Amino acid sequence: MGESKASTLLLIIVFILDVIAFGLAVAAEQRRSTAKVVPDPNSEYTYCVYDSDIATGYGVGAFLFLFVSQALIMGATRCLCCGRSLRPGGSRASAIVLFIATWLTFIIAEACFVGGAARNAYHTKYRGFYQVTNLSCETLRKGVFAAGASFTVFTLILSELYYVSFARSKEGGWTPYGRESAIGMSSFP
C-alpha cells in the first residue's frame, strides 16, 4: 500500500512541475522581447531599443521545471535500464515505447526552451544612418516558446503513461522462489 501512495504522490508532483513548466512557457511566449528603431538625438544614427527581457527568465524556468520532472520520473524508474528486469508482456512493450517517446518530446521541449531563451536574450547592436529605412532589429520568432509548451504537455502525458506502464510491468506476476522473469544463464546441475 505504501508503494501505491508513493507512486500516486510522484505522479502528482510530476504533474504539478509540468503544469508550472507549461505556464512559464506560455508566459514566455506572451512576453517575448520586442524592438523598435529609435533615432539617436546626439548623432545621425538610429539604433534598436528592446523592451523587457523577462521571457528569457521564464524560458529558463520552464526548462528547469521540466528537467526536474523528467529527472524524478527517470529516477523512480531507474531510467528503464537499471534494476530488476520487467515482466514480459504488453505493459513492458508499452513502457519501452513510451520511454522512447517521452525522451523524444522532452528533448524537443528543452531545445525550444534553451534556444528560445538564448535567442530572446540576444540583442543586435546594429546601427544605421537616418536614411536607412529597413534597419533590422532581430527578435525571437513567434511560436518557439509555444512549441516548447505543447511539447511539455506531450511530455507530461507520455511520462505519466510511461510510469504507469512501468509500474504495471514491475508488479503482479508471481515467480517461484523469488526469481526474476528472465532466462537463467547458469549451467544446470
N, C-alpha and C. Protein backbone atom coordinates (compact mmCIF):
# COMPACT_ATOMS: atom_id res chain seq x y z
N MET A 1 0.82 -1.19 0.00
CA MET A 1 0.00 0.00 0.00
C MET A 1 0.86 1.25 0.00
N GLY A 2 2.00 1.23 0.69
CA GLY A 2 2.88 2.39 0.74
C GLY A 2 3.45 2.75 -0.61
N GLU A 3 3.68 1.70 -1.44
CA GLU A 3 4.26 1.97 -2.75
C GLU A 3 3.26 2.65 -3.68
N SER A 4 1.97 2.26 -3.59
CA SER A 4 0.98 2.90 -4.45
C SER A 4 0.79 4.36 -4.07
N LYS A 5 0.89 4.66 -2.75
CA LYS A 5 0.81 6.05 -2.33
C LYS A 5 2.01 6.84 -2.85
N ALA A 6 3.20 6.22 -2.79
CA ALA A 6 4.39 6.90 -3.28
C ALA A 6 4.29 7.14 -4.78
N SER A 7 3.74 6.16 -5.51
CA SER A 7 3.63 6.35 -6.95
C SER A 7 2.59 7.41 -7.28
N THR A 8 1.50 7.44 -6.51
CA THR A 8 0.50 8.49 -6.72
C THR A 8 1.08 9.85 -6.38
N LEU A 9 1.83 9.91 -5.31
CA LEU A 9 2.48 11.16 -4.93
C LEU A 9 3.46 11.62 -6.02
N LEU A 10 4.23 10.67 -6.56
CA LEU A 10 5.16 11.01 -7.63
C LEU A 10 4.42 11.54 -8.86
N LEU A 11 3.32 10.88 -9.23
CA LEU A 11 2.54 11.34 -10.38
C LEU A 11 1.98 12.75 -10.16
N ILE A 12 1.56 13.03 -8.94
CA ILE A 12 1.03 14.37 -8.63
C ILE A 12 2.15 15.41 -8.69
N ILE A 13 3.30 15.09 -8.13
CA ILE A 13 4.43 16.03 -8.15
C ILE A 13 4.87 16.30 -9.58
N VAL A 14 4.98 15.25 -10.39
CA VAL A 14 5.39 15.42 -11.79
C VAL A 14 4.35 16.24 -12.55
N PHE A 15 3.09 15.99 -12.28
CA PHE A 15 2.02 16.76 -12.92
C PHE A 15 2.14 18.24 -12.58
N ILE A 16 2.34 18.55 -11.31
CA ILE A 16 2.45 19.95 -10.87
C ILE A 16 3.68 20.62 -11.51
N LEU A 17 4.81 19.93 -11.51
CA LEU A 17 6.02 20.50 -12.11
C LEU A 17 5.83 20.77 -13.61
N ASP A 18 5.19 19.84 -14.31
CA ASP A 18 4.97 20.04 -15.74
C ASP A 18 3.95 21.14 -16.02
N VAL A 19 2.95 21.28 -15.17
CA VAL A 19 1.99 22.37 -15.34
C VAL A 19 2.67 23.72 -15.11
N ILE A 20 3.55 23.78 -14.13
CA ILE A 20 4.31 25.02 -13.89
C ILE A 20 5.20 25.33 -15.09
N ALA A 21 5.87 24.29 -15.64
CA ALA A 21 6.70 24.49 -16.83
C ALA A 21 5.86 24.98 -18.00
N PHE A 22 4.68 24.41 -18.16
CA PHE A 22 3.77 24.85 -19.23
C PHE A 22 3.37 26.31 -19.04
N GLY A 23 3.01 26.67 -17.81
CA GLY A 23 2.61 28.06 -17.53
C GLY A 23 3.75 29.04 -17.79
N LEU A 24 4.96 28.68 -17.40
CA LEU A 24 6.10 29.55 -17.66
C LEU A 24 6.38 29.68 -19.17
N ALA A 25 6.18 28.58 -19.91
CA ALA A 25 6.39 28.63 -21.36
C ALA A 25 5.36 29.53 -22.03
N VAL A 26 4.12 29.45 -21.60
CA VAL A 26 3.08 30.33 -22.15
C VAL A 26 3.38 31.79 -21.81
N ALA A 27 3.80 32.03 -20.57
CA ALA A 27 4.16 33.40 -20.17
C ALA A 27 5.35 33.91 -20.98
N ALA A 28 6.31 33.04 -21.24
CA ALA A 28 7.48 33.44 -22.04
C ALA A 28 7.06 33.79 -23.47
N GLU A 29 6.13 33.03 -24.01
CA GLU A 29 5.65 33.31 -25.38
C GLU A 29 4.95 34.67 -25.43
N GLN A 30 4.18 34.99 -24.41
CA GLN A 30 3.45 36.25 -24.39
C GLN A 30 4.35 37.44 -24.10
N ARG A 31 5.48 37.23 -23.44
CA ARG A 31 6.35 38.34 -23.04
C ARG A 31 7.67 38.36 -23.81
N ARG A 32 7.66 37.81 -25.04
CA ARG A 32 8.88 37.84 -25.85
C ARG A 32 9.35 39.28 -26.03
N SER A 33 10.65 39.43 -26.20
CA SER A 33 11.21 40.77 -26.42
C SER A 33 10.74 41.32 -27.75
N THR A 34 10.44 42.59 -27.75
CA THR A 34 10.15 43.30 -28.99
C THR A 34 11.12 44.47 -29.09
N ALA A 35 11.30 44.95 -30.30
CA ALA A 35 12.27 46.04 -30.51
C ALA A 35 11.68 47.08 -31.43
N LYS A 36 12.20 48.28 -31.30
CA LYS A 36 11.81 49.35 -32.22
C LYS A 36 13.06 50.17 -32.55
N VAL A 37 13.02 50.77 -33.71
CA VAL A 37 14.13 51.59 -34.18
C VAL A 37 13.92 53.00 -33.64
N VAL A 38 14.97 53.54 -33.00
CA VAL A 38 14.89 54.86 -32.38
C VAL A 38 16.05 55.70 -32.90
N PRO A 39 15.78 56.97 -33.26
CA PRO A 39 16.88 57.84 -33.68
C PRO A 39 17.67 58.33 -32.46
N ASP A 40 18.98 58.38 -32.63
CA ASP A 40 19.85 58.89 -31.57
C ASP A 40 19.81 60.42 -31.63
N PRO A 41 19.44 61.09 -30.55
CA PRO A 41 19.32 62.55 -30.59
C PRO A 41 20.66 63.27 -30.73
N ASN A 42 21.77 62.62 -30.39
CA ASN A 42 23.07 63.26 -30.43
C ASN A 42 23.85 63.01 -31.71
N SER A 43 23.37 62.13 -32.57
CA SER A 43 24.10 61.84 -33.79
C SER A 43 23.11 61.55 -34.92
N GLU A 44 23.65 61.18 -36.05
CA GLU A 44 22.81 60.91 -37.22
C GLU A 44 22.49 59.42 -37.35
N TYR A 45 22.54 58.70 -36.29
CA TYR A 45 22.32 57.25 -36.32
C TYR A 45 20.97 56.88 -35.72
N THR A 46 20.52 55.71 -36.10
CA THR A 46 19.37 55.07 -35.45
C THR A 46 19.86 53.77 -34.83
N TYR A 47 19.16 53.28 -33.84
CA TYR A 47 19.56 52.04 -33.18
C TYR A 47 18.32 51.31 -32.67
N CYS A 48 18.52 50.08 -32.25
CA CYS A 48 17.43 49.24 -31.77
C CYS A 48 17.29 49.36 -30.26
N VAL A 49 16.06 49.53 -29.80
CA VAL A 49 15.76 49.56 -28.38
C VAL A 49 14.84 48.38 -28.09
N TYR A 50 15.26 47.52 -27.15
CA TYR A 50 14.50 46.34 -26.79
C TYR A 50 13.77 46.58 -25.49
N ASP A 51 12.59 45.97 -25.38
CA ASP A 51 11.83 46.09 -24.13
C ASP A 51 12.28 45.02 -23.14
N SER A 52 11.50 44.72 -22.17
CA SER A 52 11.83 43.80 -21.08
C SER A 52 12.34 42.45 -21.59
N ASP A 53 13.25 41.88 -20.82
CA ASP A 53 13.85 40.60 -21.17
C ASP A 53 13.34 39.49 -20.25
N ILE A 54 12.12 39.63 -19.75
CA ILE A 54 11.58 38.68 -18.78
C ILE A 54 11.32 37.31 -19.39
N ALA A 55 11.07 37.23 -20.69
CA ALA A 55 10.78 35.95 -21.34
C ALA A 55 11.96 34.99 -21.25
N THR A 56 13.16 35.52 -21.22
CA THR A 56 14.34 34.66 -21.08
C THR A 56 14.30 33.93 -19.74
N GLY A 57 13.97 34.64 -18.69
CA GLY A 57 13.86 34.03 -17.36
C GLY A 57 12.74 33.00 -17.30
N TYR A 58 11.62 33.32 -17.92
CA TYR A 58 10.51 32.37 -17.97
C TYR A 58 10.90 31.11 -18.72
N GLY A 59 11.62 31.28 -19.83
CA GLY A 59 12.06 30.12 -20.61
C GLY A 59 13.03 29.25 -19.83
N VAL A 60 13.95 29.86 -19.12
CA VAL A 60 14.90 29.10 -18.29
C VAL A 60 14.15 28.39 -17.16
N GLY A 61 13.18 29.07 -16.57
CA GLY A 61 12.37 28.45 -15.52
C GLY A 61 11.60 27.24 -16.03
N ALA A 62 11.00 27.37 -17.21
CA ALA A 62 10.29 26.24 -17.82
C ALA A 62 11.24 25.09 -18.07
N PHE A 63 12.44 25.41 -18.55
CA PHE A 63 13.47 24.39 -18.77
C PHE A 63 13.76 23.63 -17.48
N LEU A 64 13.98 24.37 -16.40
CA LEU A 64 14.36 23.74 -15.13
C LEU A 64 13.24 22.89 -14.53
N PHE A 65 12.00 23.40 -14.57
CA PHE A 65 10.88 22.62 -14.02
C PHE A 65 10.65 21.35 -14.82
N LEU A 66 10.73 21.42 -16.14
CA LEU A 66 10.56 20.23 -16.96
C LEU A 66 11.72 19.25 -16.73
N PHE A 67 12.92 19.77 -16.55
CA PHE A 67 14.08 18.92 -16.28
C PHE A 67 13.93 18.16 -14.97
N VAL A 68 13.49 18.85 -13.92
CA VAL A 68 13.30 18.21 -12.62
C VAL A 68 12.21 17.14 -12.71
N SER A 69 11.16 17.44 -13.43
CA SER A 69 10.07 16.48 -13.63
C SER A 69 10.58 15.22 -14.32
N GLN A 70 11.34 15.38 -15.37
CA GLN A 70 11.88 14.23 -16.10
C GLN A 70 12.87 13.46 -15.22
N ALA A 71 13.67 14.17 -14.44
CA ALA A 71 14.63 13.51 -13.56
C ALA A 71 13.92 12.68 -12.50
N LEU A 72 12.80 13.17 -11.98
CA LEU A 72 12.04 12.40 -10.99
C LEU A 72 11.49 11.11 -11.58
N ILE A 73 10.90 11.21 -12.77
CA ILE A 73 10.34 10.01 -13.41
C ILE A 73 11.46 9.01 -13.73
N MET A 74 12.54 9.49 -14.29
CA MET A 74 13.63 8.59 -14.65
C MET A 74 14.33 8.03 -13.41
N GLY A 75 14.40 8.80 -12.35
CA GLY A 75 14.97 8.29 -11.11
C GLY A 75 14.10 7.21 -10.49
N ALA A 76 12.79 7.41 -10.53
CA ALA A 76 11.88 6.42 -9.95
C ALA A 76 11.87 5.12 -10.75
N THR A 77 12.04 5.21 -12.05
CA THR A 77 12.04 4.01 -12.89
C THR A 77 13.44 3.51 -13.19
N ARG A 78 14.42 4.18 -12.65
CA ARG A 78 15.83 3.86 -12.89
C ARG A 78 16.14 3.86 -14.38
N CYS A 79 15.52 4.77 -15.06
CA CYS A 79 15.76 5.02 -16.48
C CYS A 79 15.56 3.76 -17.33
N LEU A 80 14.71 2.87 -16.87
CA LEU A 80 14.29 1.66 -17.56
C LEU A 80 15.39 0.62 -17.73
N CYS A 81 16.65 1.00 -17.61
CA CYS A 81 17.72 0.05 -17.90
C CYS A 81 18.42 -0.50 -16.66
N CYS A 82 18.25 0.11 -15.52
CA CYS A 82 18.89 -0.35 -14.30
C CYS A 82 17.85 -1.01 -13.40
N GLY A 83 18.28 -1.87 -12.55
CA GLY A 83 17.36 -2.52 -11.63
C GLY A 83 16.87 -3.85 -12.19
N ARG A 84 15.84 -4.37 -11.55
CA ARG A 84 15.28 -5.66 -11.97
C ARG A 84 14.65 -5.54 -13.35
N SER A 85 14.63 -6.67 -14.03
CA SER A 85 14.04 -6.68 -15.36
C SER A 85 12.52 -6.63 -15.26
N LEU A 86 11.89 -6.15 -16.31
CA LEU A 86 10.44 -6.06 -16.35
C LEU A 86 9.85 -7.38 -16.82
N ARG A 87 8.62 -7.66 -16.36
CA ARG A 87 7.93 -8.86 -16.80
C ARG A 87 7.60 -8.73 -18.28
N PRO A 88 7.76 -9.81 -19.04
CA PRO A 88 7.37 -9.76 -20.45
C PRO A 88 5.87 -9.55 -20.58
N GLY A 89 5.48 -8.86 -21.61
CA GLY A 89 4.06 -8.64 -21.85
C GLY A 89 3.79 -7.27 -22.43
N GLY A 90 2.52 -6.95 -22.50
CA GLY A 90 2.08 -5.69 -23.10
C GLY A 90 2.53 -4.47 -22.32
N SER A 91 2.56 -4.57 -20.98
CA SER A 91 2.99 -3.42 -20.17
C SER A 91 4.45 -3.10 -20.40
N ARG A 92 5.27 -4.13 -20.55
CA ARG A 92 6.69 -3.90 -20.81
C ARG A 92 6.89 -3.26 -22.19
N ALA A 93 6.18 -3.76 -23.19
CA ALA A 93 6.28 -3.18 -24.53
C ALA A 93 5.82 -1.73 -24.53
N SER A 94 4.72 -1.46 -23.82
CA SER A 94 4.23 -0.08 -23.71
C SER A 94 5.24 0.80 -23.00
N ALA A 95 5.83 0.28 -21.93
CA ALA A 95 6.81 1.06 -21.18
C ALA A 95 8.01 1.42 -22.06
N ILE A 96 8.47 0.49 -22.88
CA ILE A 96 9.62 0.77 -23.74
C ILE A 96 9.28 1.82 -24.79
N VAL A 97 8.12 1.68 -25.43
CA VAL A 97 7.71 2.65 -26.46
C VAL A 97 7.49 4.02 -25.83
N LEU A 98 6.83 4.06 -24.68
CA LEU A 98 6.57 5.34 -24.01
C LEU A 98 7.85 5.96 -23.48
N PHE A 99 8.81 5.14 -23.07
CA PHE A 99 10.11 5.65 -22.63
C PHE A 99 10.79 6.42 -23.77
N ILE A 100 10.81 5.84 -24.95
CA ILE A 100 11.44 6.49 -26.11
C ILE A 100 10.68 7.75 -26.50
N ALA A 101 9.35 7.66 -26.51
CA ALA A 101 8.54 8.83 -26.88
C ALA A 101 8.67 9.96 -25.87
N THR A 102 8.76 9.59 -24.59
CA THR A 102 8.93 10.60 -23.54
C THR A 102 10.24 11.35 -23.72
N TRP A 103 11.32 10.62 -23.97
CA TRP A 103 12.61 11.27 -24.17
C TRP A 103 12.61 12.14 -25.41
N LEU A 104 11.96 11.69 -26.46
CA LEU A 104 11.91 12.48 -27.70
C LEU A 104 11.19 13.81 -27.48
N THR A 105 10.01 13.77 -26.87
CA THR A 105 9.28 15.02 -26.62
C THR A 105 9.99 15.90 -25.61
N PHE A 106 10.63 15.28 -24.62
CA PHE A 106 11.38 16.05 -23.63
C PHE A 106 12.53 16.81 -24.27
N ILE A 107 13.28 16.14 -25.13
CA ILE A 107 14.42 16.79 -25.78
C ILE A 107 13.96 17.93 -26.68
N ILE A 108 12.86 17.73 -27.40
CA ILE A 108 12.35 18.80 -28.26
C ILE A 108 11.90 19.99 -27.42
N ALA A 109 11.17 19.73 -26.34
CA ALA A 109 10.70 20.83 -25.47
C ALA A 109 11.88 21.59 -24.87
N GLU A 110 12.88 20.87 -24.38
CA GLU A 110 14.04 21.52 -23.78
C GLU A 110 14.83 22.32 -24.82
N ALA A 111 14.92 21.80 -26.03
CA ALA A 111 15.60 22.54 -27.09
C ALA A 111 14.86 23.84 -27.41
N CYS A 112 13.54 23.79 -27.42
CA CYS A 112 12.75 25.01 -27.64
C CYS A 112 13.00 26.03 -26.53
N PHE A 113 13.06 25.56 -25.29
CA PHE A 113 13.26 26.48 -24.17
C PHE A 113 14.66 27.08 -24.17
N VAL A 114 15.66 26.25 -24.40
CA VAL A 114 17.04 26.76 -24.40
C VAL A 114 17.26 27.69 -25.59
N GLY A 115 16.84 27.24 -26.77
CA GLY A 115 17.01 28.07 -27.96
C GLY A 115 16.22 29.36 -27.88
N GLY A 116 14.98 29.27 -27.39
CA GLY A 116 14.16 30.46 -27.26
C GLY A 116 14.72 31.44 -26.25
N ALA A 117 15.19 30.94 -25.12
CA ALA A 117 15.76 31.82 -24.10
C ALA A 117 17.04 32.49 -24.60
N ALA A 118 17.88 31.72 -25.28
CA ALA A 118 19.13 32.30 -25.80
C ALA A 118 18.85 33.33 -26.88
N ARG A 119 17.93 33.00 -27.78
CA ARG A 119 17.61 33.93 -28.88
C ARG A 119 16.90 35.17 -28.36
N ASN A 120 16.05 35.00 -27.35
CA ASN A 120 15.33 36.14 -26.79
C ASN A 120 16.29 37.09 -26.07
N ALA A 121 17.34 36.55 -25.49
CA ALA A 121 18.32 37.38 -24.77
C ALA A 121 19.28 38.09 -25.72
N TYR A 122 19.35 37.63 -26.98
CA TYR A 122 20.26 38.24 -27.95
C TYR A 122 19.67 39.54 -28.47
N HIS A 123 20.43 40.61 -28.35
CA HIS A 123 20.01 41.92 -28.85
C HIS A 123 21.06 42.42 -29.83
N THR A 124 20.60 42.79 -31.01
CA THR A 124 21.54 43.28 -32.01
C THR A 124 22.07 44.64 -31.62
N LYS A 125 23.27 44.92 -32.02
CA LYS A 125 23.90 46.21 -31.76
C LYS A 125 23.95 47.04 -33.05
N TYR A 126 23.17 46.62 -34.03
CA TYR A 126 23.22 47.23 -35.35
C TYR A 126 22.76 48.68 -35.29
N ARG A 127 23.50 49.53 -35.97
CA ARG A 127 23.14 50.94 -36.06
C ARG A 127 23.15 51.34 -37.53
N GLY A 128 22.40 52.32 -37.86
CA GLY A 128 22.36 52.79 -39.23
C GLY A 128 22.13 54.29 -39.29
N PHE A 129 22.36 54.87 -40.47
CA PHE A 129 22.10 56.29 -40.67
C PHE A 129 20.60 56.52 -40.72
N TYR A 130 20.19 57.78 -40.58
CA TYR A 130 18.78 58.12 -40.66
C TYR A 130 18.16 57.68 -41.98
N GLN A 131 18.96 57.66 -43.03
CA GLN A 131 18.42 57.31 -44.35
C GLN A 131 18.07 55.83 -44.45
N VAL A 132 18.63 55.00 -43.57
CA VAL A 132 18.34 53.58 -43.61
C VAL A 132 16.94 53.35 -43.07
N THR A 133 16.05 52.88 -43.94
CA THR A 133 14.66 52.70 -43.53
C THR A 133 14.36 51.25 -43.14
N ASN A 134 15.20 50.33 -43.56
CA ASN A 134 14.93 48.92 -43.25
C ASN A 134 15.94 48.37 -42.24
N LEU A 135 16.17 49.10 -41.18
CA LEU A 135 17.06 48.65 -40.12
C LEU A 135 16.44 47.43 -39.44
N SER A 136 17.22 46.37 -39.30
CA SER A 136 16.71 45.11 -38.74
C SER A 136 17.04 45.01 -37.26
N CYS A 137 16.02 44.93 -36.44
CA CYS A 137 16.17 44.68 -35.01
C CYS A 137 15.68 43.25 -34.77
N GLU A 138 16.61 42.32 -34.70
CA GLU A 138 16.23 40.91 -34.62
C GLU A 138 15.62 40.57 -33.27
N THR A 139 14.54 39.81 -33.32
CA THR A 139 13.89 39.31 -32.12
C THR A 139 13.55 37.84 -32.32
N LEU A 140 13.13 37.19 -31.25
CA LEU A 140 12.76 35.78 -31.30
C LEU A 140 11.51 35.60 -32.14
N ARG A 141 11.54 34.59 -32.99
CA ARG A 141 10.39 34.28 -33.83
C ARG A 141 9.21 33.84 -32.96
N LYS A 142 8.03 34.25 -33.34
CA LYS A 142 6.84 33.90 -32.60
C LYS A 142 6.60 32.39 -32.69
N GLY A 143 6.27 31.77 -31.57
CA GLY A 143 5.91 30.37 -31.56
C GLY A 143 6.95 29.41 -31.00
N VAL A 144 8.14 29.89 -30.71
CA VAL A 144 9.19 28.99 -30.20
C VAL A 144 8.83 28.50 -28.79
N PHE A 145 8.48 29.41 -27.92
CA PHE A 145 8.08 29.02 -26.57
C PHE A 145 6.75 28.28 -26.58
N ALA A 146 5.86 28.63 -27.52
CA ALA A 146 4.59 27.91 -27.64
C ALA A 146 4.83 26.46 -28.05
N ALA A 147 5.79 26.23 -28.93
CA ALA A 147 6.14 24.85 -29.31
C ALA A 147 6.69 24.11 -28.10
N GLY A 148 7.52 24.77 -27.31
CA GLY A 148 8.03 24.16 -26.09
C GLY A 148 6.91 23.83 -25.12
N ALA A 149 5.91 24.71 -25.03
CA ALA A 149 4.76 24.46 -24.15
C ALA A 149 3.96 23.26 -24.62
N SER A 150 3.75 23.14 -25.93
CA SER A 150 2.98 22.00 -26.42
C SER A 150 3.75 20.69 -26.22
N PHE A 151 5.05 20.71 -26.43
CA PHE A 151 5.83 19.50 -26.19
C PHE A 151 5.95 19.19 -24.70
N THR A 152 5.79 20.20 -23.85
CA THR A 152 5.73 19.95 -22.41
C THR A 152 4.48 19.16 -22.06
N VAL A 153 3.37 19.51 -22.69
CA VAL A 153 2.13 18.76 -22.46
C VAL A 153 2.28 17.32 -22.95
N PHE A 154 2.89 17.15 -24.12
CA PHE A 154 3.12 15.79 -24.62
C PHE A 154 4.02 15.01 -23.67
N THR A 155 5.06 15.67 -23.16
CA THR A 155 5.97 15.01 -22.23
C THR A 155 5.24 14.64 -20.94
N LEU A 156 4.37 15.51 -20.47
CA LEU A 156 3.59 15.23 -19.27
C LEU A 156 2.75 13.97 -19.46
N ILE A 157 2.01 13.92 -20.54
CA ILE A 157 1.13 12.78 -20.79
C ILE A 157 1.94 11.50 -20.97
N LEU A 158 2.96 11.56 -21.80
CA LEU A 158 3.74 10.36 -22.09
C LEU A 158 4.52 9.87 -20.87
N SER A 159 5.08 10.78 -20.07
CA SER A 159 5.85 10.35 -18.91
C SER A 159 4.96 9.72 -17.85
N GLU A 160 3.76 10.23 -17.67
CA GLU A 160 2.86 9.62 -16.69
C GLU A 160 2.37 8.26 -17.18
N LEU A 161 2.08 8.15 -18.48
CA LEU A 161 1.71 6.84 -19.03
C LEU A 161 2.87 5.86 -18.94
N TYR A 162 4.07 6.35 -19.19
CA TYR A 162 5.28 5.52 -19.07
C TYR A 162 5.43 4.99 -17.65
N TYR A 163 5.27 5.87 -16.67
CA TYR A 163 5.42 5.45 -15.28
C TYR A 163 4.37 4.40 -14.89
N VAL A 164 3.14 4.59 -15.33
CA VAL A 164 2.08 3.63 -15.03
C VAL A 164 2.37 2.29 -15.70
N SER A 165 2.79 2.31 -16.97
CA SER A 165 3.13 1.07 -17.67
C SER A 165 4.31 0.38 -17.01
N PHE A 166 5.29 1.16 -16.60
CA PHE A 166 6.45 0.61 -15.91
C PHE A 166 6.03 -0.06 -14.60
N ALA A 167 5.18 0.61 -13.83
CA ALA A 167 4.72 0.07 -12.55
C ALA A 167 3.90 -1.20 -12.76
N ARG A 168 3.06 -1.23 -13.78
CA ARG A 168 2.28 -2.43 -14.07
C ARG A 168 3.17 -3.60 -14.46
N SER A 169 4.23 -3.30 -15.18
CA SER A 169 5.14 -4.36 -15.61
C SER A 169 6.00 -4.86 -14.45
N LYS A 170 6.21 -4.03 -13.46
CA LYS A 170 7.01 -4.42 -12.30
C LYS A 170 6.22 -5.29 -11.32
N GLU A 171 4.94 -4.98 -11.13
CA GLU A 171 4.15 -5.68 -10.12
C GLU A 171 3.34 -6.79 -10.77
N GLY A 172 2.69 -7.55 -9.95
CA GLY A 172 1.77 -8.53 -10.49
C GLY A 172 2.31 -9.94 -10.44
N GLY A 173 3.01 -10.35 -11.44
CA GLY A 173 3.35 -11.76 -11.65
C GLY A 173 4.09 -12.41 -10.50
N TRP A 174 3.71 -13.64 -10.21
CA TRP A 174 4.37 -14.42 -9.18
C TRP A 174 5.44 -15.27 -9.82
N THR A 175 6.63 -15.22 -9.29
CA THR A 175 7.70 -16.07 -9.79
C THR A 175 8.14 -16.99 -8.66
N PRO A 176 8.35 -18.26 -8.95
CA PRO A 176 8.71 -19.19 -7.87
C PRO A 176 10.08 -18.88 -7.29
N TYR A 177 10.18 -19.01 -5.99
CA TYR A 177 11.44 -18.83 -5.26
C TYR A 177 12.02 -17.42 -5.40
N GLY A 178 11.20 -16.45 -5.71
CA GLY A 178 11.66 -15.07 -5.78
C GLY A 178 12.55 -14.77 -6.97
N ARG A 179 12.55 -15.62 -7.98
CA ARG A 179 13.40 -15.37 -9.14
C ARG A 179 12.78 -14.32 -10.04
N GLU A 180 13.61 -13.74 -10.85
CA GLU A 180 13.12 -12.77 -11.82
C GLU A 180 12.54 -13.51 -13.01
N SER A 181 11.82 -12.80 -13.84
CA SER A 181 11.20 -13.41 -15.02
C SER A 181 12.15 -13.36 -16.21
N ALA A 182 13.37 -13.76 -15.97
CA ALA A 182 14.37 -13.77 -17.03
C ALA A 182 14.91 -15.18 -17.20
N ILE A 183 15.60 -15.42 -18.27
CA ILE A 183 16.21 -16.72 -18.52
C ILE A 183 17.52 -16.80 -17.77
N GLY A 184 17.68 -17.86 -16.99
CA GLY A 184 18.89 -18.03 -16.22
C GLY A 184 20.07 -18.37 -17.14
N MET A 185 21.21 -17.82 -16.84
CA MET A 185 22.40 -18.04 -17.69
C MET A 185 23.38 -19.01 -17.04
N SER A 186 23.03 -19.60 -15.91
CA SER A 186 23.95 -20.54 -15.27
C SER A 186 23.72 -21.94 -15.80
N SER A 187 24.69 -22.79 -15.62
CA SER A 187 24.55 -24.17 -16.09
C SER A 187 23.67 -24.95 -15.12
N PHE A 188 22.97 -25.95 -15.63
CA PHE A 188 22.13 -26.79 -14.78
C PHE A 188 22.99 -27.82 -14.06
N PRO A 189 22.68 -28.18 -12.80
CA PRO A 189 23.49 -29.15 -12.05
C PRO A 189 23.29 -30.55 -12.53
